[in-house]
Each structure stands twice: as structure tokens, then as C-alpha cells.
Amino acid sequence: MYRKRQAQNLAEKRFVGCAGLTITDLMRVTIATQACLLLLNRDAGYFPFLREVLV
């Protein structure tokens, strides 16, 4: 379940670097993983209304 949510976050969310920041693949995976940690042991979805992640 954890890896499924992580994959959904990576596939469905757009990661945007602010102030000229370039988003790397490592940053995307780290952010998606941290977001999934917020949902552990919860029945909640995987942030279905969130479209972009501003970094």
C-alpha cells in the first residue's frame, strides 16, 4: 500500500521548483515518500485534489 501511494504521488503530481530551484528525481522521490508517511495507518486517500507540489 505504501509503495502504491508513493507511485501515485510521483505519477499524478507535478513538482515545481520555486525561485529557480531545479527539482531532481531524488527530490521528487523524497517529497513523495514524506507525503506518504503522513498517511500511514489512515484510511484517507492520497491527496486526490492536490495537483502541484511547490518546493
PDB file of N, CA and C in Angstrom:
ATOM      1  N   MET A   1       0.825  -1.195   0.000  1.00  0.00           N
ATOM      2  CA  MET A   1       0.000   0.000   0.000  1.00  0.00           C
ATOM      3  C   MET A   1       0.869   1.259   0.000  1.00  0.00           C
ATOM      4  N   TYR A   2       1.942   1.236   0.792  1.00  0.00           N
ATOM      5  CA  TYR A   2       2.829   2.397   0.897  1.00  0.00           C
ATOM      6  C   TYR A   2       3.461   2.718  -0.451  1.00  0.00           C
ATOM      7  N   ARG A   3       4.005   1.701  -1.106  1.00  0.00           N
ATOM      8  CA  ARG A   3       4.657   1.920  -2.407  1.00  0.00           C
ATOM      9  C   ARG A   3       3.642   2.344  -3.473  1.00  0.00           C
ATOM     10  N   LYS A   4       2.428   1.848  -3.359  1.00  0.00           N
ATOM     11  CA  LYS A   4       1.380   2.240  -4.304  1.00  0.00           C
ATOM     12  C   LYS A   4       1.083   3.731  -4.170  1.00  0.00           C
ATOM     13  N   ARG A   5       0.949   4.202  -2.945  1.00  0.00           N
ATOM     14  CA  ARG A   5       0.684   5.623  -2.724  1.00  0.00           C
ATOM     15  C   ARG A   5       1.862   6.481  -3.176  1.00  0.00           C
ATOM     16  N   GLN A   6       3.062   5.995  -2.922  1.00  0.00           N
ATOM     17  CA  GLN A   6       4.244   6.735  -3.357  1.00  0.00           C
ATOM     18  C   GLN A   6       4.258   6.849  -4.886  1.00  0.00           C
ATOM     19  N   ALA A   7       3.975   5.759  -5.559  1.00  0.00           N
ATOM     20  CA  ALA A   7       3.951   5.763  -7.024  1.00  0.00           C
ATOM     21  C   ALA A   7       2.851   6.688  -7.545  1.00  0.00           C
ATOM     22  N   GLN A   8       1.703   6.712  -6.874  1.00  0.00           N
ATOM     23  CA  GLN A   8       0.618   7.603  -7.283  1.00  0.00           C
ATOM     24  C   GLN A   8       1.035   9.059  -7.133  1.00  0.00           C
ATOM     25  N   ASN A   9       1.684   9.377  -6.026  1.00  0.00           N
ATOM     26  CA  ASN A   9       2.146  10.749  -5.824  1.00  0.00           C
ATOM     27  C   ASN A   9       3.119  11.163  -6.916  1.00  0.00           C
ATOM     28  N   LEU A  10       4.032  10.286  -7.261  1.00  0.00           N
ATOM     29  CA  LEU A  10       5.018  10.611  -8.288  1.00  0.00           C
ATOM     30  C   LEU A  10       4.378  10.748  -9.662  1.00  0.00           C
ATOM     31  N   ALA A  11       3.429   9.890  -9.964  1.00  0.00           N
ATOM     32  CA  ALA A  11       2.824   9.887 -11.294  1.00  0.00           C
ATOM     33  C   ALA A  11       1.810  11.011 -11.494  1.00  0.00           C
ATOM     34  N   GLU A  12       1.090  11.364 -10.447  1.00  0.00           N
ATOM     35  CA  GLU A  12      -0.043  12.274 -10.605  1.00  0.00           C
ATOM     36  C   GLU A  12       0.222  13.708 -10.178  1.00  0.00           C
ATOM     37  N   LYS A  13       1.310  13.952  -9.497  1.00  0.00           N
ATOM     38  CA  LYS A  13       1.590  15.299  -9.003  1.00  0.00           C
ATOM     39  C   LYS A  13       2.714  15.937  -9.810  1.00  0.00           C
ATOM     40  N   ARG A  14       2.589  17.224 -10.008  1.00  0.00           N
ATOM     41  CA  ARG A  14       3.633  17.984 -10.685  1.00  0.00           C
ATOM     42  C   ARG A  14       4.466  18.673  -9.610  1.00  0.00           C
ATOM     43  N   PHE A  15       5.764  18.493  -9.645  1.00  0.00           N
ATOM     44  CA  PHE A  15       6.675  19.086  -8.680  1.00  0.00           C
ATOM     45  C   PHE A  15       7.304  20.324  -9.314  1.00  0.00           C
ATOM     46  N   VAL A  16       7.121  21.478  -8.666  1.00  0.00           N
ATOM     47  CA  VAL A  16       7.563  22.752  -9.223  1.00  0.00           C
ATOM     48  C   VAL A  16       8.585  23.386  -8.287  1.00  0.00           C
ATOM     49  N   GLY A  17       9.737  23.720  -8.825  1.00  0.00           N
ATOM     50  CA  GLY A  17      10.761  24.410  -8.047  1.00  0.00           C
ATOM     51  C   GLY A  17      10.505  25.908  -8.054  1.00  0.00           C
ATOM     52  N   CYS A  18      10.507  26.521  -6.890  1.00  0.00           N
ATOM     53  CA  CYS A  18      10.291  27.961  -6.773  1.00  0.00           C
ATOM     54  C   CYS A  18      11.639  28.680  -6.731  1.00  0.00           C
ATOM     55  N   ALA A  19      11.632  29.932  -7.124  1.00  0.00           N
ATOM     56  CA  ALA A  19      12.826  30.786  -7.087  1.00  0.00           C
ATOM     57  C   ALA A  19      13.993  30.172  -7.847  1.00  0.00           C
ATOM     58  N   GLY A  20      13.693  29.518  -8.960  1.00  0.00           N
ATOM     59  CA  GLY A  20      14.749  28.971  -9.805  1.00  0.00           C
ATOM     60  C   GLY A  20      15.283  27.615  -9.396  1.00  0.00           C
ATOM     61  N   LEU A  21      14.678  26.998  -8.395  1.00  0.00           N
ATOM     62  CA  LEU A  21      15.129  25.683  -7.938  1.00  0.00           C
ATOM     63  C   LEU A  21      14.824  24.628  -8.991  1.00  0.00           C
ATOM     64  N   THR A  22      15.810  23.820  -9.306  1.00  0.00           N
ATOM     65  CA  THR A  22      15.624  22.705 -10.227  1.00  0.00           C
ATOM     66  C   THR A  22      15.307  21.455  -9.420  1.00  0.00           C
ATOM     67  N   ILE A  23      14.189  20.831  -9.711  1.00  0.00           N
ATOM     68  CA  ILE A  23      13.761  19.638  -8.988  1.00  0.00           C
ATOM     69  C   ILE A  23      14.424  18.415  -9.616  1.00  0.00           C
ATOM     70  N   THR A  24      15.140  17.660  -8.806  1.00  0.00           N
ATOM     71  CA  THR A  24      15.787  16.435  -9.275  1.00  0.00           C
ATOM     72  C   THR A  24      14.882  15.241  -8.992  1.00  0.00           C
ATOM     73  N   ASP A  25      15.205  14.114  -9.599  1.00  0.00           N
ATOM     74  CA  ASP A  25      14.435  12.896  -9.339  1.00  0.00           C
ATOM     75  C   ASP A  25      14.523  12.498  -7.870  1.00  0.00           C
ATOM     76  N   LEU A  26      15.695  12.666  -7.268  1.00  0.00           N
ATOM     77  CA  LEU A  26      15.858  12.340  -5.850  1.00  0.00           C
ATOM     78  C   LEU A  26      14.947  13.213  -4.991  1.00  0.00           C
ATOM     79  N   MET A  27      14.840  14.475  -5.325  1.00  0.00           N
ATOM     80  CA  MET A  27      13.954  15.369  -4.573  1.00  0.00           C
ATOM     81  C   MET A  27      12.499  14.932  -4.715  1.00  0.00           C
ATOM     82  N   ARG A  28      12.086  14.575  -5.925  1.00  0.00           N
ATOM     83  CA  ARG A  28      10.709  14.129  -6.163  1.00  0.00           C
ATOM     84  C   ARG A  28      10.386  12.890  -5.331  1.00  0.00           C
ATOM     85  N   VAL A  29      11.293  11.913  -5.341  1.00  0.00           N
ATOM     86  CA  VAL A  29      11.068  10.672  -4.588  1.00  0.00           C
ATOM     87  C   VAL A  29      11.026  10.959  -3.094  1.00  0.00           C
ATOM     88  N   THR A  30      11.929  11.800  -2.611  1.00  0.00           N
ATOM     89  CA  THR A  30      11.969  12.130  -1.184  1.00  0.00           C
ATOM     90  C   THR A  30      10.685  12.820  -0.746  1.00  0.00           C
ATOM     91  N   ILE A  31      10.222  13.779  -1.521  1.00  0.00           N
ATOM     92  CA  ILE A  31       8.996  14.507  -1.181  1.00  0.00           C
ATOM     93  C   ILE A  31       7.784  13.582  -1.228  1.00  0.00           C
ATOM     94  N   ALA A  32       7.693  12.747  -2.248  1.00  0.00           N
ATOM     95  CA  ALA A  32       6.570  11.806  -2.357  1.00  0.00           C
ATOM     96  C   ALA A  32       6.568  10.826  -1.189  1.00  0.00           C
ATOM     97  N   THR A  33       7.749  10.379  -0.789  1.00  0.00           N
ATOM     98  CA  THR A  33       7.856   9.449   0.337  1.00  0.00           C
ATOM     99  C   THR A  33       7.414  10.113   1.631  1.00  0.00           C
ATOM    100  N   GLN A  34       7.858  11.342   1.866  1.00  0.00           N
ATOM    101  CA  GLN A  34       7.461  12.060   3.078  1.00  0.00           C
ATOM    102  C   GLN A  34       5.951  12.297   3.106  1.00  0.00           C
ATOM    103  N   ALA A  35       5.372  12.594   1.965  1.00  0.00           N
ATOM    104  CA  ALA A  35       3.919  12.789   1.902  1.00  0.00           C
ATOM    105  C   ALA A  35       3.183  11.501   2.264  1.00  0.00           C
ATOM    106  N   CYS A  36       3.709  10.371   1.827  1.00  0.00           N
ATOM    107  CA  CYS A  36       3.082   9.082   2.146  1.00  0.00           C
ATOM    108  C   CYS A  36       3.157   8.775   3.634  1.00  0.00           C
ATOM    109  N   LEU A  37       4.220   9.215   4.284  1.00  0.00           N
ATOM    110  CA  LEU A  37       4.344   8.979   5.724  1.00  0.00           C
ATOM    111  C   LEU A  37       3.203   9.640   6.495  1.00  0.00           C
ATOM    112  N   LEU A  38       2.711  10.761   5.991  1.00  0.00           N
ATOM    113  CA  LEU A  38       1.593  11.446   6.648  1.00  0.00           C
ATOM    114  C   LEU A  38       0.315  10.612   6.630  1.00  0.00           C
ATOM    115  N   LEU A  39       0.236   9.667   5.699  1.00  0.00           N
ATOM    116  CA  LEU A  39      -0.988   8.884   5.519  1.00  0.00           C
ATOM    117  C   LEU A  39      -0.909   7.470   6.081  1.00  0.00           C
ATOM    118  N   LEU A  40       0.212   7.114   6.672  1.00  0.00           N
ATOM    119  CA  LEU A  40       0.336   5.760   7.222  1.00  0.00           C
ATOM    120  C   LEU A  40      -0.732   5.506   8.281  1.00  0.00           C
ATOM    121  N   ASN A  41      -1.296   4.320   8.269  1.00  0.00           N
ATOM    122  CA  ASN A  41      -2.309   3.886   9.235  1.00  0.00           C
ATOM    123  C   ASN A  41      -3.573   4.740   9.204  1.00  0.00           C
ATOM    124  N   ARG A  42      -3.858   5.336   8.069  1.00  0.00           N
ATOM    125  CA  ARG A  42      -5.082   6.121   7.899  1.00  0.00           C
ATOM    126  C   ARG A  42      -5.842   5.588   6.700  1.00  0.00           C
ATOM    127  N   ASP A  43      -7.133   5.762   6.726  1.00  0.00           N
ATOM    128  CA  ASP A  43      -7.963   5.334   5.609  1.00  0.00           C
ATOM    129  C   ASP A  43      -8.080   6.422   4.545  1.00  0.00           C
ATOM    130  N   ALA A  44      -7.479   7.570   4.826  1.00  0.00           N
ATOM    131  CA  ALA A  44      -7.589   8.705   3.904  1.00  0.00           C
ATOM    132  C   ALA A  44      -6.958   8.377   2.562  1.00  0.00           C
ATOM    133  N   GLY A  45      -7.323   9.164   1.580  1.00  0.00           N
ATOM    134  CA  GLY A  45      -6.773   8.991   0.241  1.00  0.00           C
ATOM    135  C   GLY A  45      -5.335   9.442   0.158  1.00  0.00           C
ATOM    136  N   TYR A  46      -4.922   9.732  -1.021  1.00  0.00           N
ATOM    137  CA  TYR A  46      -3.533  10.107  -1.257  1.00  0.00           C
ATOM    138  C   TYR A  46      -3.449  11.535  -1.787  1.00  0.00           C
ATOM    139  N   PHE A  47      -4.134  12.464  -1.174  1.00  0.00           N
ATOM    140  CA  PHE A  47      -4.187  13.859  -1.589  1.00  0.00           C
ATOM    141  C   PHE A  47      -4.763  13.979  -3.002  1.00  0.00           C
ATOM    142  N   PRO A  48      -5.973  13.499  -3.231  1.00  0.00           N
ATOM    143  CA  PRO A  48      -6.519  13.451  -4.586  1.00  0.00           C
ATOM    144  C   PRO A  48      -6.741  14.821  -5.230  1.00  0.00           C
ATOM    145  N   PHE A  49      -6.914  15.867  -4.440  1.00  0.00           N
ATOM    146  CA  PHE A  49      -7.179  17.185  -5.008  1.00  0.00           C
ATOM    147  C   PHE A  49      -5.909  18.004  -5.214  1.00  0.00           C
ATOM    148  N   LEU A  50      -4.803  17.505  -4.745  1.00  0.00           N
ATOM    149  CA  LEU A  50      -3.525  18.195  -4.902  1.00  0.00           C
ATOM    150  C   LEU A  50      -2.964  17.905  -6.286  1.00  0.00           C
ATOM    151  N   ARG A  51      -2.683  18.936  -7.042  1.00  0.00           N
ATOM    152  CA  ARG A  51      -2.169  18.762  -8.404  1.00  0.00           C
ATOM    153  C   ARG A  51      -0.689  19.106  -8.516  1.00  0.00           C
ATOM    154  N   GLU A  52      -0.241  20.111  -7.750  1.00  0.00           N
ATOM    155  CA  GLU A  52       1.149  20.553  -7.813  1.00  0.00           C
ATOM    156  C   GLU A  52       1.750  20.612  -6.423  1.00  0.00           C
ATOM    157  N   VAL A  53       3.040  20.345  -6.358  1.00  0.00           N
ATOM    158  CA  VAL A  53       3.800  20.466  -5.119  1.00  0.00           C
ATOM    159  C   VAL A  53       4.843  21.546  -5.361  1.00  0.00           C
ATOM    160  N   LEU A  54       4.728  22.650  -4.636  1.00  0.00           N
ATOM    161  CA  LEU A  54       5.677  23.749  -4.777  1.00  0.00           C
ATOM    162  C   LEU A  54       6.808  23.560  -3.781  1.00  0.00           C
ATOM    163  N   VAL A  55       8.026  23.623  -4.284  1.00  0.00           N
ATOM    164  CA  VAL A  55       9.202  23.405  -3.433  1.00  0.00           C
ATOM    165  C   VAL A  55      10.052  24.657  -3.464  1.00  0.00           C
TER     166      VAL A  55
END
